[in-house]
Each structure stands twice: as structure tokens, then as C-alpha cells.
Amino acid sequence: MFAVYEFITTRNEKLLLMMNKYTYWQAQPTKNYRTYYCSKQSSGCKAKIKLNNYGTVIKADESHTHLPPKYIKTASGYMKV
């Protein structure tokens, strides 16, 4: 599976994974992979991304229950609008 994503830093210095305009936060990493949950998980969204230790997406559940957040890039990081 080939997926394009990037890591973004928000203005309050949170590091998020952004893929297809949706953002994800990193859960506690394990020995073999890192899991990122949708930033709207607290609102019931179950979308998540798993990366191996090389940064390759090994599993992607992108079944979001909401529209993607809107961010703009600024000199100090990304700002949610």
C-alpha cells in the first residue's frame, strides 16, 4: 500500500500526521509500529493509520464520520481555520 502523508506542527506545537486532509494524533508506539488515531476520535470517529518503523503505511482505515478540518500553513506552523 502506498500512501502519501506528512507530519505537520500546529501553532500550539502539536505534531500531527496529515493524510488526505485529515489529521491524526500518535498513540503510544509499540516495538513494531506506530498507530495514529483521527483527531476527532473523541467525537466518535474510528479512522486510524498504522505505520511501521520505516514510516510505511501498513494499515489505513479512513472511514471518517466527518469532513476534514481546514488548516492553513503559516510561518509558525499550521493553523486550524
Protein backbone atom coordinates (compact mmCIF):
# COMPACT_ATOMS: atom_id res chain seq x y z
CA MET A 1 0.00 0.00 0.00
CA PHE A 2 1.39 3.38 -0.98
CA ALA A 3 0.03 6.40 0.81
CA VAL A 4 1.20 10.00 0.91
CA TYR A 5 1.17 11.73 4.26
CA GLU A 6 3.06 14.47 6.04
CA PHE A 7 3.74 15.48 9.59
CA ILE A 8 2.55 18.93 10.49
CA THR A 9 3.20 21.11 13.52
CA THR A 10 0.29 23.18 14.75
CA ARG A 11 0.68 26.66 16.20
CA ASN A 12 0.49 25.21 19.72
CA GLU A 13 3.35 22.86 18.75
CA LYS A 14 1.36 19.64 18.46
CA LEU A 15 2.79 17.19 15.94
CA LEU A 16 0.07 15.59 13.81
CA LEU A 17 0.05 13.25 10.85
CA MET A 18 -1.96 14.63 7.92
CA MET A 19 -3.21 12.33 5.17
CA ASN A 20 -5.86 13.22 2.59
CA LYS A 21 -6.60 16.45 4.52
CA TYR A 22 -7.46 14.59 7.75
CA THR A 23 -5.28 14.83 10.87
CA TYR A 24 -4.25 12.09 13.30
CA TRP A 25 -2.52 12.03 16.69
CA GLN A 26 0.02 9.38 17.69
CA ALA A 27 -0.84 6.83 20.36
CA GLN A 28 1.89 5.19 22.45
CA PRO A 29 4.21 3.49 19.90
CA THR A 30 4.92 -0.23 20.10
CA LYS A 31 8.10 -2.08 19.20
CA ASN A 32 7.00 -2.69 15.59
CA TYR A 33 4.61 0.09 14.62
CA ARG A 34 3.01 3.44 15.44
CA THR A 35 -0.74 3.97 15.45
CA TYR A 36 -2.31 7.32 14.67
CA TYR A 37 -5.95 7.99 15.55
CA CYS A 38 -8.18 10.57 13.94
CA SER A 39 -8.07 13.90 15.73
CA LYS A 40 -11.86 13.67 16.05
CA GLN A 41 -11.69 10.32 17.87
CA SER A 42 -13.29 11.89 20.95
CA SER A 43 -16.31 12.68 18.74
CA GLY A 44 -16.66 9.03 17.77
CA CYS A 45 -14.55 8.84 14.59
CA LYS A 46 -12.80 5.46 14.33
CA ALA A 47 -10.39 6.24 11.47
CA LYS A 48 -6.76 5.28 12.13
CA ILE A 49 -3.42 4.83 10.38
CA LYS A 50 -0.65 2.34 11.25
CA LEU A 51 2.96 2.97 10.20
CA ASN A 52 5.82 0.52 10.53
CA ASN A 53 9.17 1.63 11.93
CA TYR A 54 10.25 2.72 8.43
CA GLY A 55 7.30 5.09 8.05
CA THR A 56 5.41 2.91 5.57
CA VAL A 57 1.64 2.80 5.95
CA ILE A 58 0.78 -0.81 6.78
CA LYS A 59 -2.91 -0.27 7.54
CA ALA A 60 -5.25 2.63 6.87
CA ASP A 61 -8.87 2.83 7.97
CA GLU A 62 -10.01 6.14 6.54
CA SER A 63 -13.72 5.74 7.28
CA HIS A 64 -14.22 9.18 8.82
CA THR A 65 -17.58 10.28 10.19
CA HIS A 66 -16.95 13.97 9.47
CA LEU A 67 -15.47 16.39 6.96
CA PRO A 68 -11.72 17.08 7.09
CA PRO A 69 -10.52 20.01 9.21
CA LYS A 70 -9.25 23.09 7.39
CA TYR A 71 -5.68 24.20 8.02
CA ILE A 72 -3.58 26.94 6.53
CA LYS A 73 0.20 26.96 6.56
CA THR A 74 1.82 29.87 8.39
CA ALA A 75 5.42 30.74 9.27
CA SER A 76 4.93 29.29 12.76
CA GLY A 77 3.21 26.06 11.64
CA TYR A 78 -0.27 25.05 10.58
CA MET A 79 -3.29 26.94 11.88
CA LYS A 80 -6.77 25.47 12.01
CA VAL A 81 -9.39 27.76 10.43
